[in-house]
Amino acid sequence: MDQALKTMIANMPEKTGKNLDEWKELLKQQAIEKHSVAVKFLKEQHGVSHGFANTIVTLSKQNTDSAEDLVSAQYKGKEALLPLYDALISTLKSFGEDVLITPKKTSVSVIRKHQFVLIKPATKTRIDLGLKLKDVEPQGILEPSGPFGTMCTHRIQLKTVSDINAELNDWLLKAYNKSV
């Protein structure tokens, strides 16, 4: 969590009259699905400024599952890919203590200062890696971003642990070094 967000959350009780957990509970009771409707509700019914309302709604919708639960859910029915995922995570963590592994609902973001890799179990037999490598032409195992769209500049498809080789490590390290 960046410092600005931490400060905003710390100031929330003074500026809005409730802490984040209280706002989350209120929104949970309202069961408003649409982001913009929830923001409007907080602004109009509770006098919350737009910035605080947007932050409260965003944080209230974040999944509270643990990292392990999120990864387990991603690989349900794709358990054969878990050794590949584990080897990939081990490789990425070896780059430095500043590598942050952040599981989401359908993928895992790998962040240094910025996200540099996105890991997604694409099929029962393949993991797709999205990489951020601006100004690098696709070559070898490095393909255009494909299903990642603008989120990543390139994709690498992995099917077995043996796909974690020198060429892959070189591309991962390049993405890591560009993420400062």
N, C-alpha and C. Protein backbone atom coordinates (compact mmCIF):
# COMPACT_ATOMS: atom_id res chain seq x y z
N MET A 1 0.85 -1.17 0.00
CA MET A 1 0.00 0.00 0.00
C MET A 1 0.90 1.23 0.00
N ASP A 2 0.64 2.17 -0.88
CA ASP A 2 1.51 3.35 -0.93
C ASP A 2 1.18 4.32 0.20
N GLN A 3 2.10 5.23 0.46
CA GLN A 3 1.99 6.13 1.60
C GLN A 3 0.77 7.05 1.51
N ALA A 4 0.44 7.51 0.32
CA ALA A 4 -0.72 8.40 0.17
C ALA A 4 -2.01 7.69 0.58
N LEU A 5 -2.15 6.43 0.20
CA LEU A 5 -3.33 5.67 0.57
C LEU A 5 -3.36 5.42 2.08
N LYS A 6 -2.22 5.08 2.65
CA LYS A 6 -2.14 4.88 4.10
C LYS A 6 -2.56 6.16 4.84
N THR A 7 -2.09 7.30 4.37
CA THR A 7 -2.45 8.58 4.99
C THR A 7 -3.94 8.84 4.87
N MET A 8 -4.49 8.56 3.69
CA MET A 8 -5.92 8.78 3.47
C MET A 8 -6.74 7.91 4.43
N ILE A 9 -6.36 6.66 4.59
CA ILE A 9 -7.08 5.75 5.48
C ILE A 9 -6.95 6.23 6.93
N ALA A 10 -5.76 6.69 7.31
CA ALA A 10 -5.54 7.20 8.67
C ALA A 10 -6.39 8.44 8.95
N ASN A 11 -6.57 9.29 7.95
CA ASN A 11 -7.34 10.52 8.10
C ASN A 11 -8.85 10.32 7.94
N MET A 12 -9.26 9.16 7.52
CA MET A 12 -10.66 8.90 7.20
C MET A 12 -11.61 9.19 8.37
N PRO A 13 -11.33 8.73 9.60
CA PRO A 13 -12.28 9.00 10.68
C PRO A 13 -12.50 10.50 10.91
N GLU A 14 -11.42 11.26 10.89
CA GLU A 14 -11.53 12.71 11.10
C GLU A 14 -12.27 13.39 9.96
N LYS A 15 -11.98 12.99 8.73
CA LYS A 15 -12.54 13.67 7.55
C LYS A 15 -13.95 13.19 7.18
N THR A 16 -14.28 11.93 7.55
CA THR A 16 -15.57 11.38 7.11
C THR A 16 -16.49 10.96 8.26
N GLY A 17 -15.94 10.89 9.47
CA GLY A 17 -16.76 10.50 10.62
C GLY A 17 -16.77 9.01 10.91
N LYS A 18 -16.15 8.21 10.05
CA LYS A 18 -16.09 6.76 10.26
C LYS A 18 -14.73 6.26 9.79
N ASN A 19 -14.30 5.13 10.37
CA ASN A 19 -13.07 4.52 9.87
C ASN A 19 -13.41 3.60 8.68
N LEU A 20 -12.40 3.09 8.02
CA LEU A 20 -12.60 2.29 6.81
C LEU A 20 -13.47 1.07 7.08
N ASP A 21 -13.23 0.37 8.19
CA ASP A 21 -14.02 -0.83 8.48
C ASP A 21 -15.50 -0.49 8.67
N GLU A 22 -15.78 0.65 9.30
CA GLU A 22 -17.17 1.06 9.47
C GLU A 22 -17.82 1.36 8.13
N TRP A 23 -17.09 2.03 7.24
CA TRP A 23 -17.62 2.31 5.90
C TRP A 23 -17.84 1.01 5.12
N LYS A 24 -16.90 0.09 5.23
CA LYS A 24 -17.05 -1.20 4.54
C LYS A 24 -18.31 -1.92 5.01
N GLU A 25 -18.53 -1.93 6.32
CA GLU A 25 -19.72 -2.59 6.86
C GLU A 25 -21.00 -1.92 6.36
N LEU A 26 -21.01 -0.59 6.33
CA LEU A 26 -22.17 0.14 5.82
C LEU A 26 -22.45 -0.23 4.36
N LEU A 27 -21.41 -0.27 3.54
CA LEU A 27 -21.59 -0.63 2.13
C LEU A 27 -22.04 -2.08 1.98
N LYS A 28 -21.51 -2.94 2.83
CA LYS A 28 -21.91 -4.35 2.79
C LYS A 28 -23.41 -4.47 3.07
N GLN A 29 -23.90 -3.73 4.06
CA GLN A 29 -25.33 -3.74 4.40
C GLN A 29 -26.18 -3.21 3.24
N GLN A 30 -25.67 -2.23 2.53
CA GLN A 30 -26.42 -1.65 1.40
C GLN A 30 -26.44 -2.58 0.19
N ALA A 31 -25.44 -3.44 0.08
CA ALA A 31 -25.33 -4.41 -1.02
C ALA A 31 -25.44 -3.75 -2.39
N ILE A 32 -24.76 -2.64 -2.55
CA ILE A 32 -24.75 -1.93 -3.83
C ILE A 32 -23.66 -2.56 -4.69
N GLU A 33 -24.03 -3.04 -5.86
CA GLU A 33 -23.08 -3.73 -6.73
C GLU A 33 -22.22 -2.78 -7.56
N LYS A 34 -22.84 -1.76 -8.11
CA LYS A 34 -22.15 -0.88 -9.06
C LYS A 34 -21.31 0.17 -8.33
N HIS A 35 -20.07 0.29 -8.75
CA HIS A 35 -19.12 1.21 -8.12
C HIS A 35 -19.65 2.64 -8.08
N SER A 36 -20.09 3.14 -9.22
CA SER A 36 -20.53 4.54 -9.29
C SER A 36 -21.76 4.81 -8.42
N VAL A 37 -22.64 3.83 -8.29
CA VAL A 37 -23.83 3.98 -7.45
C VAL A 37 -23.42 4.05 -5.98
N ALA A 38 -22.43 3.23 -5.59
CA ALA A 38 -21.95 3.25 -4.21
C ALA A 38 -21.26 4.58 -3.89
N VAL A 39 -20.47 5.09 -4.83
CA VAL A 39 -19.81 6.39 -4.63
C VAL A 39 -20.87 7.48 -4.46
N LYS A 40 -21.86 7.47 -5.33
CA LYS A 40 -22.95 8.46 -5.25
C LYS A 40 -23.68 8.36 -3.92
N PHE A 41 -23.94 7.15 -3.46
CA PHE A 41 -24.60 6.93 -2.17
C PHE A 41 -23.80 7.58 -1.03
N LEU A 42 -22.50 7.33 -0.99
CA LEU A 42 -21.66 7.90 0.08
C LEU A 42 -21.63 9.42 0.00
N LYS A 43 -21.56 9.95 -1.19
CA LYS A 43 -21.51 11.41 -1.36
C LYS A 43 -22.83 12.06 -0.96
N GLU A 44 -23.92 11.51 -1.48
CA GLU A 44 -25.22 12.15 -1.27
C GLU A 44 -25.83 11.86 0.09
N GLN A 45 -25.69 10.64 0.57
CA GLN A 45 -26.34 10.26 1.83
C GLN A 45 -25.48 10.51 3.07
N HIS A 46 -24.14 10.60 2.86
CA HIS A 46 -23.25 10.72 4.02
C HIS A 46 -22.28 11.90 3.91
N GLY A 47 -22.38 12.68 2.86
CA GLY A 47 -21.56 13.87 2.72
C GLY A 47 -20.07 13.62 2.57
N VAL A 48 -19.72 12.45 2.07
CA VAL A 48 -18.31 12.09 1.89
C VAL A 48 -17.81 12.71 0.58
N SER A 49 -16.60 13.27 0.61
CA SER A 49 -16.04 13.85 -0.61
C SER A 49 -15.82 12.75 -1.65
N HIS A 50 -15.70 13.16 -2.91
CA HIS A 50 -15.54 12.18 -3.99
C HIS A 50 -14.30 11.31 -3.79
N GLY A 51 -13.18 11.91 -3.43
CA GLY A 51 -11.93 11.15 -3.26
C GLY A 51 -12.07 10.07 -2.19
N PHE A 52 -12.62 10.43 -1.05
CA PHE A 52 -12.81 9.45 0.02
C PHE A 52 -13.85 8.40 -0.40
N ALA A 53 -14.94 8.83 -1.02
CA ALA A 53 -15.99 7.89 -1.44
C ALA A 53 -15.42 6.87 -2.43
N ASN A 54 -14.68 7.32 -3.39
CA ASN A 54 -14.09 6.42 -4.39
C ASN A 54 -13.13 5.43 -3.72
N THR A 55 -12.30 5.92 -2.81
CA THR A 55 -11.35 5.05 -2.11
C THR A 55 -12.09 4.03 -1.25
N ILE A 56 -13.09 4.46 -0.52
CA ILE A 56 -13.86 3.55 0.34
C ILE A 56 -14.50 2.44 -0.49
N VAL A 57 -15.14 2.81 -1.61
CA VAL A 57 -15.81 1.81 -2.45
C VAL A 57 -14.78 0.85 -3.04
N THR A 58 -13.68 1.38 -3.55
CA THR A 58 -12.63 0.53 -4.13
C THR A 58 -12.11 -0.47 -3.11
N LEU A 59 -11.78 0.02 -1.91
CA LEU A 59 -11.23 -0.87 -0.88
C LEU A 59 -12.27 -1.84 -0.35
N SER A 60 -13.53 -1.46 -0.36
CA SER A 60 -14.57 -2.36 0.14
C SER A 60 -14.82 -3.52 -0.81
N LYS A 61 -14.48 -3.34 -2.07
CA LYS A 61 -14.71 -4.38 -3.07
C LYS A 61 -13.51 -5.31 -3.23
N GLN A 62 -12.38 -4.98 -2.60
CA GLN A 62 -11.21 -5.84 -2.71
C GLN A 62 -11.47 -7.15 -1.99
N ASN A 63 -10.97 -8.20 -2.58
CA ASN A 63 -11.16 -9.53 -2.03
C ASN A 63 -10.38 -9.67 -0.74
N THR A 64 -10.99 -10.26 0.27
CA THR A 64 -10.32 -10.44 1.55
C THR A 64 -9.74 -11.84 1.71
N ASP A 65 -9.78 -12.64 0.66
CA ASP A 65 -9.18 -13.97 0.73
C ASP A 65 -7.68 -13.85 0.91
N SER A 66 -7.08 -14.85 1.52
CA SER A 66 -5.63 -14.85 1.68
C SER A 66 -4.97 -15.12 0.33
N ALA A 67 -3.68 -14.82 0.26
CA ALA A 67 -2.93 -15.05 -0.97
C ALA A 67 -3.00 -16.52 -1.38
N GLU A 68 -2.87 -17.40 -0.39
CA GLU A 68 -2.92 -18.84 -0.68
C GLU A 68 -4.28 -19.24 -1.23
N ASP A 69 -5.35 -18.68 -0.65
CA ASP A 69 -6.70 -18.99 -1.14
C ASP A 69 -6.89 -18.53 -2.58
N LEU A 70 -6.37 -17.35 -2.88
CA LEU A 70 -6.51 -16.81 -4.23
C LEU A 70 -5.78 -17.68 -5.24
N VAL A 71 -4.56 -18.10 -4.91
CA VAL A 71 -3.78 -18.95 -5.82
C VAL A 71 -4.46 -20.31 -5.96
N SER A 72 -4.91 -20.88 -4.85
CA SER A 72 -5.60 -22.18 -4.91
C SER A 72 -6.81 -22.11 -5.82
N ALA A 73 -7.58 -21.03 -5.72
CA ALA A 73 -8.77 -20.88 -6.57
C ALA A 73 -8.39 -20.77 -8.04
N GLN A 74 -7.29 -20.07 -8.33
CA GLN A 74 -6.85 -19.92 -9.73
C GLN A 74 -6.49 -21.27 -10.34
N TYR A 75 -5.92 -22.16 -9.52
CA TYR A 75 -5.42 -23.43 -10.04
C TYR A 75 -6.35 -24.60 -9.77
N LYS A 76 -7.58 -24.32 -9.36
CA LYS A 76 -8.57 -25.39 -9.17
C LYS A 76 -8.86 -26.01 -10.54
N GLY A 77 -8.67 -27.30 -10.65
CA GLY A 77 -8.83 -27.99 -11.93
C GLY A 77 -7.60 -27.89 -12.81
N LYS A 78 -6.61 -27.13 -12.34
CA LYS A 78 -5.35 -26.95 -13.10
C LYS A 78 -4.15 -27.27 -12.19
N GLU A 79 -4.38 -28.16 -11.23
CA GLU A 79 -3.37 -28.46 -10.22
C GLU A 79 -2.04 -28.94 -10.81
N ALA A 80 -2.09 -29.53 -11.99
CA ALA A 80 -0.85 -30.01 -12.63
C ALA A 80 0.11 -28.85 -12.92
N LEU A 81 -0.41 -27.61 -12.96
CA LEU A 81 0.43 -26.44 -13.23
C LEU A 81 1.10 -25.88 -11.97
N LEU A 82 0.70 -26.34 -10.79
CA LEU A 82 1.25 -25.77 -9.56
C LEU A 82 2.76 -25.92 -9.42
N PRO A 83 3.37 -27.06 -9.79
CA PRO A 83 4.84 -27.11 -9.72
C PRO A 83 5.50 -26.06 -10.62
N LEU A 84 4.92 -25.81 -11.76
CA LEU A 84 5.42 -24.78 -12.67
C LEU A 84 5.27 -23.40 -12.03
N TYR A 85 4.11 -23.12 -11.45
CA TYR A 85 3.87 -21.85 -10.76
C TYR A 85 4.88 -21.67 -9.62
N ASP A 86 5.05 -22.70 -8.80
CA ASP A 86 5.97 -22.61 -7.66
C ASP A 86 7.41 -22.36 -8.11
N ALA A 87 7.84 -23.03 -9.17
CA ALA A 87 9.20 -22.82 -9.69
C ALA A 87 9.35 -21.41 -10.24
N LEU A 88 8.32 -20.91 -10.87
CA LEU A 88 8.34 -19.55 -11.41
C LEU A 88 8.45 -18.52 -10.28
N ILE A 89 7.66 -18.69 -9.23
CA ILE A 89 7.71 -17.78 -8.09
C ILE A 89 9.09 -17.82 -7.45
N SER A 90 9.65 -19.00 -7.30
CA SER A 90 10.99 -19.13 -6.73
C SER A 90 12.02 -18.38 -7.57
N THR A 91 11.92 -18.50 -8.87
CA THR A 91 12.83 -17.79 -9.78
C THR A 91 12.69 -16.28 -9.61
N LEU A 92 11.46 -15.81 -9.60
CA LEU A 92 11.21 -14.37 -9.49
C LEU A 92 11.69 -13.81 -8.15
N LYS A 93 11.47 -14.54 -7.08
CA LYS A 93 11.91 -14.09 -5.75
C LYS A 93 13.44 -14.03 -5.66
N SER A 94 14.12 -14.83 -6.47
CA SER A 94 15.59 -14.84 -6.42
C SER A 94 16.20 -13.55 -6.97
N PHE A 95 15.41 -12.72 -7.65
CA PHE A 95 15.92 -11.48 -8.22
C PHE A 95 16.22 -10.44 -7.15
N GLY A 96 15.54 -10.51 -6.02
CA GLY A 96 15.81 -9.54 -4.96
C GLY A 96 14.70 -9.49 -3.93
N GLU A 97 15.02 -8.90 -2.80
CA GLU A 97 14.05 -8.79 -1.71
C GLU A 97 12.95 -7.78 -2.03
N ASP A 98 13.13 -7.01 -3.08
CA ASP A 98 12.13 -6.00 -3.45
C ASP A 98 11.04 -6.55 -4.36
N VAL A 99 11.04 -7.85 -4.63
CA VAL A 99 10.01 -8.47 -5.46
C VAL A 99 8.81 -8.78 -4.58
N LEU A 100 7.66 -8.24 -4.98
CA LEU A 100 6.42 -8.44 -4.25
C LEU A 100 5.48 -9.29 -5.09
N ILE A 101 5.02 -10.41 -4.53
CA ILE A 101 4.10 -11.31 -5.20
C ILE A 101 2.70 -10.99 -4.69
N THR A 102 1.79 -10.58 -5.60
CA THR A 102 0.46 -10.12 -5.20
C THR A 102 -0.62 -10.89 -5.95
N PRO A 103 -1.14 -11.96 -5.34
CA PRO A 103 -2.23 -12.70 -5.98
C PRO A 103 -3.52 -11.88 -6.03
N LYS A 104 -4.20 -11.99 -7.14
CA LYS A 104 -5.51 -11.38 -7.34
C LYS A 104 -6.49 -12.53 -7.61
N LYS A 105 -7.70 -12.21 -8.03
CA LYS A 105 -8.69 -13.25 -8.25
C LYS A 105 -8.32 -14.19 -9.40
N THR A 106 -7.84 -13.64 -10.51
CA THR A 106 -7.58 -14.48 -11.69
C THR A 106 -6.11 -14.52 -12.12
N SER A 107 -5.26 -13.77 -11.44
CA SER A 107 -3.85 -13.72 -11.83
C SER A 107 -3.00 -13.33 -10.62
N VAL A 108 -1.69 -13.35 -10.83
CA VAL A 108 -0.75 -12.94 -9.80
C VAL A 108 0.13 -11.85 -10.38
N SER A 109 0.13 -10.68 -9.74
CA SER A 109 1.00 -9.59 -10.16
C SER A 109 2.34 -9.73 -9.46
N VAL A 110 3.40 -9.48 -10.19
CA VAL A 110 4.74 -9.47 -9.62
C VAL A 110 5.27 -8.05 -9.79
N ILE A 111 5.60 -7.43 -8.65
CA ILE A 111 5.87 -6.01 -8.62
C ILE A 111 7.25 -5.76 -8.03
N ARG A 112 7.94 -4.82 -8.58
CA ARG A 112 9.14 -4.26 -7.97
C ARG A 112 8.71 -2.87 -7.54
N LYS A 113 9.06 -1.86 -8.29
CA LYS A 113 8.44 -0.55 -8.04
C LYS A 113 7.13 -0.50 -8.80
N HIS A 114 7.11 -1.14 -9.95
CA HIS A 114 5.91 -1.26 -10.79
C HIS A 114 5.75 -2.74 -11.12
N GLN A 115 4.54 -3.11 -11.54
CA GLN A 115 4.32 -4.49 -11.98
C GLN A 115 5.21 -4.75 -13.19
N PHE A 116 5.90 -5.88 -13.16
CA PHE A 116 6.72 -6.22 -14.32
C PHE A 116 6.36 -7.58 -14.90
N VAL A 117 5.63 -8.40 -14.15
CA VAL A 117 5.17 -9.69 -14.65
C VAL A 117 3.75 -9.92 -14.13
N LEU A 118 2.94 -10.55 -14.97
CA LEU A 118 1.61 -10.99 -14.58
C LEU A 118 1.54 -12.48 -14.90
N ILE A 119 1.16 -13.29 -13.92
CA ILE A 119 1.09 -14.75 -14.09
C ILE A 119 -0.37 -15.16 -14.12
N LYS A 120 -0.75 -15.88 -15.17
CA LYS A 120 -2.16 -16.27 -15.31
C LYS A 120 -2.25 -17.71 -15.82
N PRO A 121 -2.93 -18.58 -15.06
CA PRO A 121 -3.16 -19.92 -15.60
C PRO A 121 -4.16 -19.82 -16.75
N ALA A 122 -3.68 -19.97 -17.96
CA ALA A 122 -4.51 -19.72 -19.15
C ALA A 122 -5.41 -20.90 -19.49
N THR A 123 -4.86 -22.09 -19.38
CA THR A 123 -5.61 -23.32 -19.66
C THR A 123 -5.19 -24.36 -18.62
N LYS A 124 -5.70 -25.56 -18.73
CA LYS A 124 -5.31 -26.63 -17.81
C LYS A 124 -3.86 -27.07 -18.03
N THR A 125 -3.30 -26.67 -19.17
CA THR A 125 -1.95 -27.13 -19.50
C THR A 125 -0.96 -25.99 -19.75
N ARG A 126 -1.37 -24.74 -19.48
CA ARG A 126 -0.48 -23.62 -19.83
C ARG A 126 -0.67 -22.44 -18.88
N ILE A 127 0.47 -21.86 -18.50
CA ILE A 127 0.49 -20.59 -17.79
C ILE A 127 0.96 -19.54 -18.77
N ASP A 128 0.27 -18.41 -18.82
CA ASP A 128 0.71 -17.28 -19.62
C ASP A 128 1.36 -16.25 -18.70
N LEU A 129 2.51 -15.78 -19.11
CA LEU A 129 3.19 -14.70 -18.40
C LEU A 129 3.05 -13.44 -19.22
N GLY A 130 2.58 -12.39 -18.61
CA GLY A 130 2.58 -11.08 -19.25
C GLY A 130 3.79 -10.34 -18.73
N LEU A 131 4.56 -9.72 -19.61
CA LEU A 131 5.74 -8.96 -19.21
C LEU A 131 5.64 -7.53 -19.70
N LYS A 132 6.24 -6.63 -18.95
CA LYS A 132 6.34 -5.23 -19.39
C LYS A 132 7.77 -5.00 -19.84
N LEU A 133 7.92 -4.91 -21.15
CA LEU A 133 9.23 -4.68 -21.78
C LEU A 133 9.05 -3.68 -22.91
N LYS A 134 8.90 -2.42 -22.56
CA LYS A 134 8.69 -1.40 -23.59
C LYS A 134 9.89 -1.34 -24.53
N ASP A 135 9.61 -1.05 -25.78
CA ASP A 135 10.62 -0.89 -26.82
C ASP A 135 11.43 -2.15 -27.09
N VAL A 136 10.81 -3.33 -26.87
CA VAL A 136 11.46 -4.61 -27.17
C VAL A 136 10.59 -5.33 -28.19
N GLU A 137 11.19 -5.75 -29.29
CA GLU A 137 10.46 -6.46 -30.33
C GLU A 137 10.25 -7.92 -29.91
N PRO A 138 9.09 -8.51 -30.21
CA PRO A 138 8.89 -9.94 -29.94
C PRO A 138 9.96 -10.75 -30.64
N GLN A 139 10.47 -11.77 -29.93
CA GLN A 139 11.52 -12.63 -30.49
C GLN A 139 11.62 -13.88 -29.63
N GLY A 140 12.01 -14.98 -30.24
CA GLY A 140 12.14 -16.23 -29.50
C GLY A 140 10.83 -16.59 -28.82
N ILE A 141 10.89 -16.84 -27.51
CA ILE A 141 9.67 -17.19 -26.77
C ILE A 141 8.83 -15.96 -26.42
N LEU A 142 9.36 -14.77 -26.68
CA LEU A 142 8.69 -13.52 -26.35
C LEU A 142 7.73 -13.13 -27.48
N GLU A 143 6.43 -13.21 -27.18
CA GLU A 143 5.39 -12.94 -28.17
C GLU A 143 4.75 -11.58 -27.92
N PRO A 144 3.94 -11.09 -28.89
CA PRO A 144 3.11 -9.91 -28.60
C PRO A 144 2.19 -10.22 -27.42
N SER A 145 1.68 -9.21 -26.77
CA SER A 145 0.95 -9.37 -25.52
C SER A 145 -0.30 -10.24 -25.60
N GLY A 146 -0.90 -10.36 -26.76
CA GLY A 146 -2.06 -11.24 -26.91
C GLY A 146 -3.18 -10.89 -25.95
N PRO A 147 -3.63 -11.86 -25.14
CA PRO A 147 -4.80 -11.63 -24.28
C PRO A 147 -4.57 -10.60 -23.17
N PHE A 148 -3.34 -10.21 -22.94
CA PHE A 148 -3.07 -9.23 -21.90
C PHE A 148 -3.36 -7.80 -22.35
N GLY A 149 -3.51 -7.59 -23.64
CA GLY A 149 -3.82 -6.26 -24.16
C GLY A 149 -2.76 -5.25 -23.75
N THR A 150 -3.19 -4.09 -23.29
CA THR A 150 -2.25 -3.02 -22.94
C THR A 150 -1.67 -3.18 -21.53
N MET A 151 -2.19 -4.14 -20.76
CA MET A 151 -1.69 -4.36 -19.41
C MET A 151 -0.21 -4.77 -19.44
N CYS A 152 0.17 -5.53 -20.45
CA CYS A 152 1.54 -6.00 -20.60
C CYS A 152 1.94 -5.78 -22.06
N THR A 153 3.24 -5.71 -22.31
CA THR A 153 3.70 -5.51 -23.68
C THR A 153 3.94 -6.83 -24.41
N HIS A 154 4.20 -7.91 -23.63
CA HIS A 154 4.56 -9.20 -24.22
C HIS A 154 3.95 -10.35 -23.43
N ARG A 155 3.99 -11.52 -24.06
CA ARG A 155 3.52 -12.75 -23.41
C ARG A 155 4.53 -13.86 -23.67
N ILE A 156 4.68 -14.73 -22.66
CA ILE A 156 5.44 -15.97 -22.80
C ILE A 156 4.54 -17.09 -22.30
N GLN A 157 4.42 -18.15 -23.09
CA GLN A 157 3.60 -19.30 -22.72
C GLN A 157 4.48 -20.39 -22.11
N LEU A 158 4.06 -20.90 -20.94
CA LEU A 158 4.82 -21.93 -20.24
C LEU A 158 3.94 -23.17 -20.05
N LYS A 159 4.52 -24.34 -20.33
CA LYS A 159 3.75 -25.58 -20.19
C LYS A 159 4.36 -26.55 -19.19
N THR A 160 5.68 -26.48 -19.01
CA THR A 160 6.34 -27.41 -18.08
C THR A 160 7.43 -26.66 -17.30
N VAL A 161 7.86 -27.27 -16.22
CA VAL A 161 8.92 -26.67 -15.40
C VAL A 161 10.19 -26.48 -16.24
N SER A 162 10.40 -27.34 -17.23
CA SER A 162 11.59 -27.19 -18.08
C SER A 162 11.55 -25.92 -18.93
N ASP A 163 10.37 -25.29 -19.03
CA ASP A 163 10.28 -24.01 -19.74
C ASP A 163 10.94 -22.87 -18.95
N ILE A 164 11.22 -23.11 -17.69
CA ILE A 164 11.94 -22.11 -16.88
C ILE A 164 13.42 -22.36 -17.15
N ASN A 165 13.90 -21.69 -18.19
CA ASN A 165 15.25 -21.91 -18.68
C ASN A 165 16.00 -20.58 -18.78
N ALA A 166 17.17 -20.62 -19.35
CA ALA A 166 18.01 -19.42 -19.44
C ALA A 166 17.33 -18.30 -20.23
N GLU A 167 16.67 -18.65 -21.33
CA GLU A 167 16.00 -17.61 -22.14
C GLU A 167 14.89 -16.93 -21.33
N LEU A 168 14.07 -17.73 -20.65
CA LEU A 168 13.00 -17.16 -19.83
C LEU A 168 13.58 -16.29 -18.72
N ASN A 169 14.58 -16.82 -18.02
CA ASN A 169 15.21 -16.05 -16.93
C ASN A 169 15.75 -14.72 -17.42
N ASP A 170 16.31 -14.71 -18.63
CA ASP A 170 16.85 -13.48 -19.20
C ASP A 170 15.74 -12.46 -19.42
N TRP A 171 14.59 -12.89 -19.98
CA TRP A 171 13.47 -11.97 -20.20
C TRP A 171 12.88 -11.48 -18.88
N LEU A 172 12.76 -12.38 -17.91
CA LEU A 172 12.22 -11.98 -16.60
C LEU A 172 13.13 -10.96 -15.93
N LEU A 173 14.42 -11.20 -16.00
CA LEU A 173 15.39 -10.28 -15.39
C LEU A 173 15.37 -8.92 -16.09
N LYS A 174 15.22 -8.91 -17.41
CA LYS A 174 15.11 -7.65 -18.14
C LYS A 174 13.87 -6.88 -17.70
N ALA A 175 12.74 -7.56 -17.56
CA ALA A 175 11.51 -6.90 -17.10
C ALA A 175 11.69 -6.38 -15.67
N TYR A 176 12.33 -7.16 -14.83
CA TYR A 176 12.61 -6.76 -13.45
C TYR A 176 13.47 -5.49 -13.42
N ASN A 177 14.51 -5.48 -14.22
CA ASN A 177 15.43 -4.32 -14.24
C ASN A 177 14.77 -3.06 -14.81
N LYS A 178 13.77 -3.21 -15.68
CA LYS A 178 13.07 -2.06 -16.24
C LYS A 178 12.00 -1.50 -15.30
N SER A 179 11.70 -2.22 -14.22
CA SER A 179 10.59 -1.84 -13.35
C SER A 179 11.01 -0.94 -12.18
N VAL A 180 12.10 -0.25 -12.33
CA VAL A 180 12.55 0.66 -11.24
C VAL A 180 12.02 2.05 -11.44
